[in-house]
Each structure stands twice: as structure tokens, then as C-alpha cells.
């Protein structure tokens, strides 16, 4: 079994419809994956499986050396960092930003009666600083901009020093400046040899940070292609994934795509 993720024939069925179908996917330690696909492709469902928050209907889903269905997920989940809109929606708007991050130590949202030592509090502030939002530590979460919230969510996801980091559309809703700042910070994280294995879900190749190594393309719950980004992120695979002709360009370590055909 792969060190981080090993899916074999994974299928998820809801209401008689297959959301994911016979997905095979492996992630090794140190890899940085992007999951690309249109709306309804099954990307978020795939991430929920990787986060041990959903079990497959069929197939075998191995996460961090454990098999879902045979392991206590409440012991497994603290080993996984997750930043997603669904999780962020549960953060109380009046929560102090530093508390939003530090409460990840107990796997809770909203501080109550837990006690945290100085090391926990120091780590929370270090992570906020690394994401460029340490100056917001004493602000209320509900007063932050969308871009600021995204960075706080990522700091929270890193709080437990996870072995696997999952980012569900972290740049969604950001303006150009916010997106580029976030992409640069995620690129720095990807280049960090001490960082966990990373999986980033997005619709757009422009949001792929530098340093990401592999890509999985998903359509209608099925894998179109998966492998090293250098050979797998191609115009043909994007056409098959999104259902239109695409011109893909690379500028240094960034990508752009637009509809069209080459002359």
C-alpha cells in the first residue's frame, strides 16, 4: 500500500447514482497533487474520502496506511489537514482568528473549555505569520475578507502537523491579487521538504501553484488521466476532461488555458 493514499476500484453511490466510479489512485510521501475537473466531476467527494469523512460504497480506500472501514476514523482524521468551504462554514463568525487555528489541536470548531499550552499557541501564531495573516490574530473571523479567511483555514489545517494536506478550491472567490498571493504561498509550501503530501482541488490550471508534481483529471466520477504533471497536463487530456478544445500554455512554472484550437 502507498505511504499516503491508495484507492483501488473506489466507487461512491448516492441515490442510485455513481458519484465516483472505479477510481484507482495512489499518492506517495512528498508528492503534490492537483485534482482538476468540471463541476459535478466528483472532486469534492474524492477529497472527502481522502479526508476519512466518507466511506466508499465499493472498493478499497487506503489512507495513511489504514483502510477505511477497518480503522477508527476519529483517530485517523487528526493526521489529515483539511481546508474546505464546508468546514469553514462551521467556524463561528465571532471566533478569534488565533482560536480558529489553535482549536484544530482538539479537532473542534469553536473554542470552549479546552486548554492549550504555550507551544500550541506559538505554533498557531507561526502558521498565521507564514500565511501572511499574523496581524489578524486578534480579529473576529467573521470580519475577515474571503482571501484572509482562506489563509486562516490553511493555517488551521496545518496546525496538527498533518501527514496529508487537502485543499478544496482554496482560491475560489478570490480576486486576482488574492489568488496570486495564495498561489505563491502554496508554492512555497510545496517546495518545503518538510511539508506533508498535498492535494489541491481546482477547476482552473491558473491556480496550480509552482512545485506541484502530479495531476489527476476527473470527469463524471471517472479518472480521465493521472500522473506527473509534465506529461499528463496536456491539451488532449483537458479536452477530454472539460469537453471542449483547449489551448494550454506554460509560462515558467505556471499554466494558462483558454478555449480554442492551434493553427
Protein backbone atom coordinates (compact mmCIF):
# COMPACT_ATOMS: atom_id res chain seq x y z
CA UNK A 1 0.00 0.00 0.00
CA UNK A 2 1.18 3.52 -0.79
CA UNK A 3 2.50 5.58 2.09
CA UNK A 4 -0.23 8.23 1.87
CA UNK A 5 -3.18 7.22 -0.30
CA UNK A 6 -4.14 4.02 -2.10
CA UNK A 7 -7.55 3.85 -3.79
CA UNK A 8 -8.44 0.70 -5.69
CA UNK A 9 -11.73 0.45 -7.56
CA UNK A 10 -13.26 3.08 -5.31
CA UNK A 11 -16.92 3.77 -6.09
CA UNK A 12 -19.33 6.07 -4.27
CA UNK A 13 -23.07 5.75 -4.94
CA UNK A 14 -25.73 8.18 -3.76
CA UNK A 15 -29.41 7.91 -4.58
CA UNK A 16 -28.67 5.20 -7.11
CA UNK A 17 -26.17 7.41 -8.96
CA UNK A 18 -22.43 6.78 -9.06
CA UNK A 19 -20.63 9.93 -7.93
CA UNK A 20 -17.26 8.19 -8.28
CA UNK A 21 -16.72 5.11 -10.39
CA UNK A 22 -13.87 2.61 -10.12
CA UNK A 23 -11.25 5.17 -9.13
CA UNK A 24 -7.66 3.95 -8.82
CA UNK A 25 -5.25 6.50 -7.31
CA UNK A 26 -2.03 6.39 -5.33
CA UNK A 27 -0.12 9.15 -3.56
CA UNK A 28 3.37 8.74 -2.17
CA UNK A 29 5.05 10.78 0.55
CA UNK A 30 6.39 14.08 -0.77
CA UNK A 31 4.10 14.27 -3.79
CA UNK A 32 1.99 17.35 -4.53
CA UNK A 33 -1.18 16.57 -6.50
CA UNK A 34 -3.70 18.76 -8.29
CA UNK A 35 -7.19 17.38 -8.97
CA UNK A 36 -8.81 19.06 -11.97
CA UNK A 37 -12.31 18.69 -13.35
CA UNK A 38 -15.58 20.44 -14.16
CA UNK A 39 -18.45 20.99 -11.75
CA UNK A 40 -20.05 17.69 -10.77
CA UNK A 41 -16.97 15.65 -11.65
CA UNK A 42 -16.73 14.19 -8.13
CA UNK A 43 -13.70 16.18 -6.97
CA UNK A 44 -15.06 17.14 -3.55
CA UNK A 45 -16.34 13.61 -2.97
CA UNK A 46 -12.87 12.30 -3.75
CA UNK A 47 -11.42 14.71 -1.20
CA UNK A 48 -13.97 13.67 1.44
CA UNK A 49 -12.77 10.07 1.01
CA UNK A 50 -9.15 11.15 1.34
CA UNK A 51 -10.10 13.08 4.49
CA UNK A 52 -11.68 9.94 6.02
CA UNK A 53 -15.03 11.75 6.19
CA UNK A 54 -16.73 9.41 3.75
CA UNK A 55 -16.55 5.67 3.09
CA UNK A 56 -16.66 4.14 -0.39
CA UNK A 57 -19.68 2.15 -1.48
CA UNK A 58 -17.34 -0.33 -3.14
CA UNK A 59 -13.60 -0.71 -3.48
CA UNK A 60 -10.72 -0.22 -1.08
CA UNK A 61 -9.70 3.22 0.20
CA UNK A 62 -6.35 3.24 1.98
CA UNK A 63 -5.42 6.42 3.83
CA UNK A 64 -2.08 6.82 5.64
CA UNK A 65 -1.58 3.08 5.81
CA UNK A 66 -5.09 2.37 7.13
CA UNK A 67 -8.13 1.04 5.28
CA UNK A 68 -11.39 2.93 5.65
CA UNK A 69 -13.97 0.68 7.27
CA UNK A 70 -11.38 -1.10 9.40
CA UNK A 71 -9.99 1.87 11.35
CA UNK A 72 -11.34 4.37 13.87
CA UNK A 73 -11.65 7.48 11.68
CA UNK A 74 -11.58 9.71 14.76
CA UNK A 75 -8.00 8.58 15.34
CA UNK A 76 -7.13 8.91 11.65
CA UNK A 77 -8.57 12.37 10.97
CA UNK A 78 -6.11 14.32 13.17
CA UNK A 79 -3.36 13.08 10.86
CA UNK A 80 -5.06 14.82 7.92
CA UNK A 81 -5.24 18.58 7.34
CA UNK A 82 -8.38 19.73 5.54
CA UNK A 83 -9.26 23.21 4.28
CA UNK A 84 -12.68 23.33 2.63
CA UNK A 85 -15.68 25.62 2.32
CA UNK A 86 -17.93 23.09 4.06
CA UNK A 87 -15.65 23.02 7.10
CA UNK A 88 -15.20 26.79 7.08
CA UNK A 89 -18.98 27.27 7.20
CA UNK A 90 -18.95 25.78 10.71
CA UNK A 91 -16.49 28.34 12.10
CA UNK A 92 -18.36 30.83 14.33
CA UNK A 93 -18.12 34.35 12.96
CA UNK A 94 -17.27 35.77 16.40
CA UNK A 95 -14.36 33.37 16.93
CA UNK A 96 -10.95 34.99 17.40
CA UNK A 97 -8.66 34.14 14.47
CA UNK A 98 -5.91 32.69 16.67
CA UNK A 99 -8.52 30.41 18.26
CA UNK A 100 -9.76 29.27 14.84
CA UNK A 101 -6.27 27.91 14.23
CA UNK A 102 -5.39 26.54 17.66
CA UNK A 103 -8.67 24.61 18.11
CA UNK A 104 -7.54 22.25 15.34
CA UNK A 105 -5.36 20.66 18.05
CA UNK A 106 -8.52 19.15 19.52
CA UNK A 107 -10.29 18.70 16.20
CA UNK A 108 -13.06 21.09 17.21
CA UNK A 109 -14.53 24.23 15.69
CA UNK A 110 -15.23 26.95 18.21
CA UNK A 111 -13.25 27.26 21.42
CA UNK A 112 -14.99 26.13 24.60
CA UNK A 113 -13.19 24.81 27.69
CA UNK A 114 -10.11 23.25 26.12
CA UNK A 115 -6.73 24.25 27.47
CA UNK A 116 -3.76 24.92 25.20
CA UNK A 117 -0.13 25.19 26.20
CA UNK A 118 2.35 27.81 25.03
CA UNK A 119 3.69 25.58 22.28
CA UNK A 120 0.22 25.25 20.73
CA UNK A 121 -0.36 28.99 20.85
CA UNK A 122 3.12 29.73 19.48
CA UNK A 123 2.62 27.30 16.58
CA UNK A 124 -0.73 28.90 15.72
CA UNK A 125 0.91 32.32 15.50
CA UNK A 126 3.84 30.95 13.46
CA UNK A 127 1.44 29.46 10.94
CA UNK A 128 -0.56 32.66 10.68
CA UNK A 129 2.70 34.51 10.06
CA UNK A 130 3.74 32.04 7.37
CA UNK A 131 0.42 32.63 5.61
CA UNK A 132 0.78 36.40 5.91
CA UNK A 133 -2.09 36.98 8.34
CA UNK A 134 -0.41 37.16 11.76
CA UNK A 135 -1.64 40.74 12.10
CA UNK A 136 -5.20 39.36 12.15
CA UNK A 137 -4.66 37.03 15.13
CA UNK A 138 -6.90 39.05 17.46
CA UNK A 139 -9.60 39.86 14.90
CA UNK A 140 -13.00 38.16 14.71
CA UNK A 141 -13.13 35.56 11.95
CA UNK A 142 -16.39 36.98 10.61
CA UNK A 143 -14.77 40.36 9.90
CA UNK A 144 -12.14 38.94 7.53
CA UNK A 145 -12.17 39.16 3.75
CA UNK A 146 -12.57 35.97 1.74
CA UNK A 147 -8.85 35.86 0.97
CA UNK A 148 -7.94 36.32 4.62
CA UNK A 149 -10.33 33.55 5.64
CA UNK A 150 -8.78 31.18 3.10
CA UNK A 151 -5.31 31.71 4.56
CA UNK A 152 -6.57 31.25 8.13
CA UNK A 153 -8.22 27.99 7.07
CA UNK A 154 -4.94 26.73 5.64
CA UNK A 155 -3.08 27.70 8.82
CA UNK A 156 -5.69 25.74 10.80
CA UNK A 157 -5.28 22.71 8.53
CA UNK A 158 -1.51 22.75 9.18
CA UNK A 159 -1.88 23.11 12.95
CA UNK A 160 -1.66 19.40 13.78
CA UNK A 161 1.44 18.88 11.59
CA UNK A 162 -0.56 16.54 9.30
CA UNK A 163 0.84 13.77 7.14
CA UNK A 164 -1.63 14.63 4.37
CA UNK A 165 -2.92 18.12 3.49
CA UNK A 166 -6.14 18.54 1.47
CA UNK A 167 -7.16 21.87 -0.07
CA UNK A 168 -10.61 22.08 -1.65
CA UNK A 169 -10.67 25.01 -4.11
CA UNK A 170 -8.62 27.33 -1.88
CA UNK A 171 -8.60 30.15 -4.47
CA UNK A 172 -12.35 30.10 -5.18
CA UNK A 173 -13.92 33.53 -4.83
CA UNK A 174 -10.63 35.42 -4.66
CA UNK A 175 -9.76 38.42 -6.81
CA UNK A 176 -6.60 38.38 -8.93
CA UNK A 177 -4.37 39.80 -6.21
CA UNK A 178 -5.71 37.44 -3.57
CA UNK A 179 -5.35 34.46 -5.86
CA UNK A 180 -1.79 35.25 -6.82
CA UNK A 181 -0.76 35.82 -3.21
CA UNK A 182 -2.30 32.49 -2.17
CA UNK A 183 -0.79 30.60 -5.11
CA UNK A 184 2.66 31.96 -4.22
CA UNK A 185 2.29 30.89 -0.58
CA UNK A 186 1.09 27.43 -1.58
CA UNK A 187 4.04 27.21 -3.97
CA UNK A 188 6.38 27.92 -1.06
CA UNK A 189 4.64 25.21 0.95
CA UNK A 190 5.01 22.76 -1.94
CA UNK A 191 8.74 23.45 -2.11
CA UNK A 192 9.18 22.79 1.62
CA UNK A 193 10.67 19.31 2.01
CA UNK A 194 9.17 19.08 5.50
CA UNK A 195 5.64 19.75 4.25
CA UNK A 196 3.13 16.89 4.10
CA UNK A 197 1.83 15.33 0.91
CA UNK A 198 -0.51 17.86 -0.71
CA UNK A 199 -3.72 17.54 -2.69
CA UNK A 200 -5.32 20.65 -4.19
CA UNK A 201 -8.70 20.60 -5.92
CA UNK A 202 -9.46 23.27 -8.51
CA UNK A 203 -11.28 23.98 -11.78
CA UNK A 204 -8.53 26.14 -13.22
CA UNK A 205 -4.97 25.41 -14.35
CA UNK A 206 -4.10 29.03 -13.49
CA UNK A 207 -4.49 28.10 -9.82
CA UNK A 208 -1.85 25.34 -9.88
CA UNK A 209 0.99 26.55 -7.62
CA UNK A 210 4.64 26.10 -8.55
CA UNK A 211 6.16 22.92 -7.16
CA UNK A 212 3.15 20.65 -7.69
CA UNK A 213 4.29 17.35 -9.13
CA UNK A 214 1.25 15.40 -10.32
CA UNK A 215 -2.26 15.86 -11.67
CA UNK A 216 -5.45 13.81 -11.68
CA UNK A 217 -8.16 14.77 -14.17
CA UNK A 218 -11.70 13.73 -13.28
CA UNK A 219 -14.92 13.77 -15.33
CA UNK A 220 -18.32 12.32 -14.41
CA UNK A 221 -16.75 10.47 -11.50
CA UNK A 222 -14.15 8.70 -13.63
CA UNK A 223 -10.42 9.25 -13.93
CA UNK A 224 -9.51 10.65 -17.35
CA UNK A 225 -5.76 10.66 -16.67
CA UNK A 226 -3.38 10.71 -13.73
CA UNK A 227 0.37 11.06 -13.40
CA UNK A 228 3.29 13.51 -13.47
CA UNK A 229 2.11 16.98 -14.38
CA UNK A 230 4.81 17.38 -17.05
CA UNK A 231 3.31 14.64 -19.22
CA UNK A 232 -0.29 14.39 -18.00
CA UNK A 233 -1.47 18.00 -18.11
CA UNK A 234 -1.97 18.19 -21.89
CA UNK A 235 -4.40 19.87 -24.25
CA UNK A 236 -5.85 16.49 -25.23
CA UNK A 237 -6.46 15.45 -21.62
CA UNK A 238 -8.03 18.83 -20.83
CA UNK A 239 -10.28 18.47 -23.89
CA UNK A 240 -11.40 15.04 -22.73
CA UNK A 241 -11.98 16.35 -19.21
CA UNK A 242 -13.85 19.60 -19.94
CA UNK A 243 -15.45 18.67 -23.26
CA UNK A 244 -14.04 21.49 -25.38
CA UNK A 245 -10.96 22.29 -27.42
CA UNK A 246 -8.33 23.94 -25.24
CA UNK A 247 -5.10 25.80 -25.84
CA UNK A 248 -2.74 25.17 -22.93
CA UNK A 249 0.30 27.35 -22.40
CA UNK A 250 3.06 27.24 -19.84
CA UNK A 251 4.88 30.32 -18.60
CA UNK A 252 7.77 29.27 -16.41
CA UNK A 253 6.19 27.26 -13.61
CA UNK A 254 2.60 28.47 -14.22
CA UNK A 255 -0.12 27.41 -16.65
CA UNK A 256 -2.91 29.15 -18.57
CA UNK A 257 -5.72 27.63 -20.63
CA UNK A 258 -8.36 29.02 -22.97
CA UNK A 259 -10.89 27.62 -25.38
CA UNK A 260 -9.67 27.29 -28.97
CA UNK A 261 -7.52 25.29 -31.35
CA UNK A 262 -3.97 25.80 -32.51
CA UNK A 263 -3.44 26.94 -36.09
